């Protein structure tokens, strides 16, 4: 279904999207973010992203106050543990196979 996005495409800013799926989540009462968003495909460049009505300010507040990723005991993704650093290096190697060589 074609619609106007809540936010423009993060890649090209196109406001028109094709809604692929409406995703709902069970969230606790008083949760800072909405418990639903649309999975949208940009009509211009084809990028697929979560089209949420939540604002950047709401996400900034959420991640500054409630993010589990800031806690080194529960976080992954920062490469602080040997396992996580290896996982990130493997991911970078995999992705680099699909990117053009910038040194050619």
N, C-alpha and C. Protein backbone atom coordinates (compact mmCIF):
# COMPACT_ATOMS: atom_id res chain seq x y z
N UNK A 1 0.85 -1.18 0.00
CA UNK A 1 0.00 0.00 0.00
C UNK A 1 0.89 1.24 0.00
N UNK A 2 0.70 2.13 -0.94
CA UNK A 2 1.46 3.37 -1.02
C UNK A 2 0.89 4.37 -0.01
N UNK A 3 1.80 5.12 0.65
CA UNK A 3 1.37 6.11 1.63
C UNK A 3 2.45 7.17 1.80
N UNK A 4 2.11 8.26 2.46
CA UNK A 4 3.09 9.25 2.87
C UNK A 4 3.70 8.77 4.18
N UNK A 5 5.01 8.77 4.22
CA UNK A 5 5.72 8.28 5.41
C UNK A 5 5.59 9.26 6.57
N UNK A 6 5.75 8.72 7.78
CA UNK A 6 5.82 9.58 8.96
C UNK A 6 7.11 10.41 8.94
N UNK A 7 8.15 9.82 8.39
CA UNK A 7 9.43 10.51 8.23
C UNK A 7 9.97 10.13 6.85
N UNK A 8 10.67 11.04 6.22
CA UNK A 8 11.21 10.76 4.90
C UNK A 8 12.26 9.67 4.95
N UNK A 9 12.54 9.11 3.80
CA UNK A 9 13.55 8.07 3.68
C UNK A 9 14.89 8.57 4.23
N UNK A 10 15.54 7.78 5.09
CA UNK A 10 16.83 8.19 5.65
C UNK A 10 17.94 8.31 4.59
N UNK A 11 17.75 7.70 3.43
CA UNK A 11 18.77 7.76 2.38
C UNK A 11 18.55 8.96 1.46
N UNK A 12 17.33 9.12 0.93
CA UNK A 12 17.09 10.15 -0.09
C UNK A 12 16.01 11.16 0.27
N UNK A 13 15.38 11.03 1.44
CA UNK A 13 14.36 11.96 1.96
C UNK A 13 13.02 11.88 1.23
N UNK A 14 12.84 10.90 0.36
CA UNK A 14 11.55 10.72 -0.34
C UNK A 14 10.44 10.49 0.68
N UNK A 15 9.31 11.22 0.56
CA UNK A 15 8.23 11.03 1.53
C UNK A 15 7.25 9.90 1.18
N UNK A 16 7.26 9.42 -0.05
CA UNK A 16 6.32 8.38 -0.46
C UNK A 16 6.94 7.00 -0.29
N UNK A 17 6.19 6.10 0.33
CA UNK A 17 6.68 4.74 0.58
C UNK A 17 5.60 3.73 0.22
N UNK A 18 6.06 2.52 0.05
CA UNK A 18 5.16 1.38 -0.07
C UNK A 18 5.23 0.67 1.28
N UNK A 19 4.12 0.60 2.00
CA UNK A 19 4.10 -0.05 3.30
C UNK A 19 4.10 -1.56 3.10
N UNK A 20 5.13 -2.20 3.62
CA UNK A 20 5.28 -3.64 3.46
C UNK A 20 4.64 -4.44 4.59
N UNK A 21 4.68 -3.87 5.80
CA UNK A 21 4.21 -4.61 6.97
C UNK A 21 3.98 -3.64 8.12
N UNK A 22 2.98 -3.90 8.93
CA UNK A 22 2.78 -3.12 10.17
C UNK A 22 3.25 -3.99 11.33
N UNK A 23 4.30 -3.57 12.00
CA UNK A 23 4.90 -4.34 13.10
C UNK A 23 4.40 -3.82 14.44
N UNK A 24 3.88 -4.73 15.24
CA UNK A 24 3.44 -4.38 16.60
C UNK A 24 4.33 -5.09 17.60
N UNK A 25 4.53 -4.47 18.73
CA UNK A 25 5.31 -5.07 19.81
C UNK A 25 4.54 -4.91 21.12
N UNK A 26 4.75 -5.83 22.01
CA UNK A 26 4.17 -5.71 23.35
C UNK A 26 5.16 -4.91 24.17
N UNK A 27 4.72 -3.78 24.67
CA UNK A 27 5.59 -2.91 25.45
C UNK A 27 4.96 -2.66 26.82
N UNK A 28 5.78 -2.44 27.83
CA UNK A 28 5.23 -2.19 29.17
C UNK A 28 4.49 -0.86 29.23
N UNK A 29 3.58 -0.76 30.15
CA UNK A 29 2.86 0.50 30.35
C UNK A 29 3.85 1.60 30.69
N UNK A 30 3.65 2.77 30.09
CA UNK A 30 4.54 3.89 30.34
C UNK A 30 5.80 3.88 29.49
N UNK A 31 5.90 2.94 28.57
CA UNK A 31 7.07 2.85 27.68
C UNK A 31 7.21 4.15 26.91
N UNK A 32 8.43 4.57 26.70
CA UNK A 32 8.69 5.89 26.11
C UNK A 32 8.41 5.97 24.61
N UNK A 33 8.40 4.83 23.93
CA UNK A 33 8.19 4.82 22.48
C UNK A 33 6.92 4.06 22.14
N UNK A 34 6.38 4.32 20.96
CA UNK A 34 5.18 3.60 20.51
C UNK A 34 5.51 2.11 20.36
N UNK A 35 4.53 1.30 20.47
CA UNK A 35 4.72 -0.13 20.34
C UNK A 35 4.43 -0.64 18.94
N UNK A 36 4.52 0.24 17.93
CA UNK A 36 4.25 -0.19 16.56
C UNK A 36 4.93 0.75 15.57
N UNK A 37 5.21 0.21 14.39
CA UNK A 37 5.75 1.00 13.28
C UNK A 37 5.48 0.26 11.99
N UNK A 38 5.60 0.97 10.89
CA UNK A 38 5.44 0.35 9.57
C UNK A 38 6.81 0.04 8.99
N UNK A 39 6.94 -1.11 8.37
CA UNK A 39 8.13 -1.42 7.59
C UNK A 39 7.82 -0.87 6.20
N UNK A 40 8.63 0.09 5.76
CA UNK A 40 8.34 0.83 4.55
C UNK A 40 9.46 0.71 3.53
N UNK A 41 9.09 0.74 2.25
CA UNK A 41 10.05 0.72 1.15
C UNK A 41 9.94 2.05 0.41
N UNK A 42 11.04 2.76 0.33
CA UNK A 42 11.08 4.07 -0.34
C UNK A 42 10.71 3.92 -1.81
N UNK A 43 9.82 4.78 -2.29
CA UNK A 43 9.39 4.72 -3.68
C UNK A 43 10.46 5.23 -4.64
N UNK A 44 11.45 5.98 -4.15
CA UNK A 44 12.50 6.50 -5.02
C UNK A 44 13.71 5.56 -5.10
N UNK A 45 14.29 5.21 -3.94
CA UNK A 45 15.56 4.46 -3.96
C UNK A 45 15.42 3.00 -3.54
N UNK A 46 14.26 2.61 -3.00
CA UNK A 46 14.05 1.22 -2.63
C UNK A 46 14.56 0.84 -1.25
N UNK A 47 15.10 1.80 -0.48
CA UNK A 47 15.58 1.50 0.86
C UNK A 47 14.41 1.09 1.75
N UNK A 48 14.59 0.05 2.53
CA UNK A 48 13.55 -0.45 3.44
C UNK A 48 13.93 -0.04 4.86
N UNK A 49 12.99 0.57 5.57
CA UNK A 49 13.27 1.09 6.91
C UNK A 49 12.03 1.07 7.79
N UNK A 50 12.24 1.28 9.08
CA UNK A 50 11.13 1.38 10.04
C UNK A 50 10.60 2.81 10.00
N UNK A 51 9.39 2.95 9.54
CA UNK A 51 8.75 4.27 9.48
C UNK A 51 7.92 4.44 10.74
N UNK A 52 8.49 5.14 11.68
CA UNK A 52 7.86 5.34 12.98
C UNK A 52 7.38 6.78 13.13
N UNK A 53 6.33 6.94 13.90
CA UNK A 53 5.85 8.29 14.21
C UNK A 53 6.62 8.90 15.38
N UNK A 54 7.44 8.11 16.06
CA UNK A 54 8.26 8.65 17.16
C UNK A 54 9.30 9.60 16.57
N UNK A 55 9.59 10.64 17.31
CA UNK A 55 10.53 11.66 16.83
C UNK A 55 11.97 11.31 17.23
N UNK A 56 12.91 11.98 16.59
CA UNK A 56 14.32 11.80 16.95
C UNK A 56 14.55 12.18 18.41
N UNK A 57 13.87 13.22 18.87
CA UNK A 57 14.00 13.64 20.27
C UNK A 57 13.53 12.54 21.22
N UNK A 58 12.45 11.83 20.86
CA UNK A 58 11.98 10.73 21.69
C UNK A 58 13.01 9.59 21.73
N UNK A 59 13.61 9.29 20.58
CA UNK A 59 14.65 8.25 20.55
C UNK A 59 15.89 8.68 21.32
N UNK A 60 16.29 9.94 21.19
CA UNK A 60 17.45 10.45 21.94
C UNK A 60 17.21 10.30 23.44
N UNK A 61 16.02 10.66 23.88
CA UNK A 61 15.68 10.55 25.31
C UNK A 61 15.68 9.08 25.74
N UNK A 62 15.06 8.22 24.94
CA UNK A 62 15.01 6.80 25.26
C UNK A 62 16.42 6.23 25.42
N UNK A 63 17.29 6.46 24.45
CA UNK A 63 18.64 5.88 24.50
C UNK A 63 19.50 6.50 25.59
N UNK A 64 19.23 7.75 25.94
CA UNK A 64 20.03 8.35 27.02
C UNK A 64 19.55 7.89 28.40
N UNK A 65 18.27 7.55 28.53
CA UNK A 65 17.73 7.18 29.84
C UNK A 65 17.54 5.68 30.05
N UNK A 66 17.30 4.92 29.00
CA UNK A 66 16.89 3.54 29.20
C UNK A 66 17.65 2.51 28.38
N UNK A 67 18.64 2.91 27.67
CA UNK A 67 19.29 1.99 26.76
C UNK A 67 20.05 0.88 27.48
N UNK A 68 19.76 -0.36 27.14
CA UNK A 68 20.51 -1.49 27.68
C UNK A 68 21.90 -1.53 27.06
N UNK A 69 22.09 -0.86 25.92
CA UNK A 69 23.37 -0.91 25.22
C UNK A 69 24.46 -0.10 25.92
N UNK A 70 24.07 0.77 26.81
CA UNK A 70 25.05 1.58 27.53
C UNK A 70 25.65 0.82 28.72
N UNK A 71 25.04 -0.27 29.11
CA UNK A 71 25.51 -1.07 30.23
C UNK A 71 26.50 -2.12 29.72
N UNK A 72 27.75 -2.01 30.10
CA UNK A 72 28.79 -2.92 29.61
C UNK A 72 28.54 -4.37 30.01
N UNK A 73 27.73 -4.61 31.04
CA UNK A 73 27.44 -5.98 31.48
C UNK A 73 26.45 -6.68 30.55
N UNK A 74 25.56 -5.92 29.93
CA UNK A 74 24.53 -6.53 29.08
C UNK A 74 24.67 -6.15 27.61
N UNK A 75 25.52 -5.22 27.29
CA UNK A 75 25.59 -4.68 25.93
C UNK A 75 26.38 -5.56 24.98
N UNK A 76 26.02 -5.48 23.73
CA UNK A 76 26.83 -5.99 22.64
C UNK A 76 26.83 -4.91 21.58
N UNK A 77 27.74 -4.98 20.66
CA UNK A 77 27.76 -4.02 19.59
C UNK A 77 28.85 -3.00 19.69
N UNK A 78 29.45 -2.83 20.85
CA UNK A 78 30.49 -1.84 21.01
C UNK A 78 31.89 -2.40 20.82
N UNK A 79 32.01 -3.71 20.71
CA UNK A 79 33.31 -4.32 20.49
C UNK A 79 34.19 -4.36 21.72
N UNK A 80 33.60 -4.20 22.91
CA UNK A 80 34.42 -4.17 24.13
C UNK A 80 34.89 -5.55 24.55
N UNK A 81 34.12 -6.59 24.24
CA UNK A 81 34.59 -7.94 24.57
C UNK A 81 35.29 -8.52 23.34
N UNK A 82 36.13 -9.51 23.56
CA UNK A 82 36.85 -10.16 22.45
C UNK A 82 35.86 -10.80 21.48
N UNK A 83 34.82 -11.44 22.02
CA UNK A 83 33.81 -12.06 21.17
C UNK A 83 33.11 -11.03 20.30
N UNK A 84 32.73 -9.90 20.89
CA UNK A 84 32.01 -8.87 20.16
C UNK A 84 32.92 -8.21 19.12
N UNK A 85 34.17 -7.98 19.46
CA UNK A 85 35.11 -7.39 18.50
C UNK A 85 35.29 -8.32 17.30
N UNK A 86 35.38 -9.62 17.54
CA UNK A 86 35.51 -10.59 16.44
C UNK A 86 34.25 -10.61 15.59
N UNK A 87 33.10 -10.55 16.23
CA UNK A 87 31.83 -10.52 15.50
C UNK A 87 31.75 -9.30 14.59
N UNK A 88 32.15 -8.14 15.10
CA UNK A 88 32.12 -6.91 14.31
C UNK A 88 33.11 -6.97 13.15
N UNK A 89 34.30 -7.53 13.40
CA UNK A 89 35.30 -7.67 12.34
C UNK A 89 34.79 -8.61 11.24
N UNK A 90 34.15 -9.71 11.62
CA UNK A 90 33.57 -10.63 10.65
C UNK A 90 32.48 -9.95 9.82
N UNK A 91 31.66 -9.17 10.47
CA UNK A 91 30.59 -8.45 9.77
C UNK A 91 31.18 -7.45 8.78
N UNK A 92 32.20 -6.72 9.19
CA UNK A 92 32.85 -5.75 8.30
C UNK A 92 33.47 -6.44 7.09
N UNK A 93 34.11 -7.59 7.31
CA UNK A 93 34.69 -8.34 6.19
C UNK A 93 33.61 -8.78 5.20
N UNK A 94 32.51 -9.28 5.73
CA UNK A 94 31.41 -9.73 4.88
C UNK A 94 30.84 -8.56 4.06
N UNK A 95 30.58 -7.45 4.72
CA UNK A 95 30.01 -6.30 4.01
C UNK A 95 30.97 -5.72 2.98
N UNK A 96 32.26 -5.76 3.28
CA UNK A 96 33.24 -5.16 2.36
C UNK A 96 33.26 -5.88 1.02
N UNK A 97 32.82 -7.12 0.98
CA UNK A 97 32.77 -7.86 -0.29
C UNK A 97 31.77 -7.25 -1.26
N UNK A 98 30.80 -6.51 -0.74
CA UNK A 98 29.73 -5.95 -1.56
C UNK A 98 29.89 -4.45 -1.83
N UNK A 99 30.96 -3.86 -1.30
CA UNK A 99 31.19 -2.42 -1.48
C UNK A 99 32.24 -2.20 -2.54
N UNK A 100 32.12 -1.12 -3.31
CA UNK A 100 33.16 -0.85 -4.32
C UNK A 100 34.47 -0.49 -3.66
N UNK A 101 35.56 -0.86 -4.34
CA UNK A 101 36.89 -0.54 -3.83
C UNK A 101 37.15 0.95 -4.01
N UNK A 102 37.32 1.67 -2.93
CA UNK A 102 37.54 3.12 -2.98
C UNK A 102 38.96 3.50 -3.33
N UNK A 103 39.88 2.52 -3.36
CA UNK A 103 41.28 2.81 -3.63
C UNK A 103 41.66 2.53 -5.07
N UNK A 104 40.73 2.07 -5.88
CA UNK A 104 41.05 1.72 -7.27
C UNK A 104 41.11 2.95 -8.15
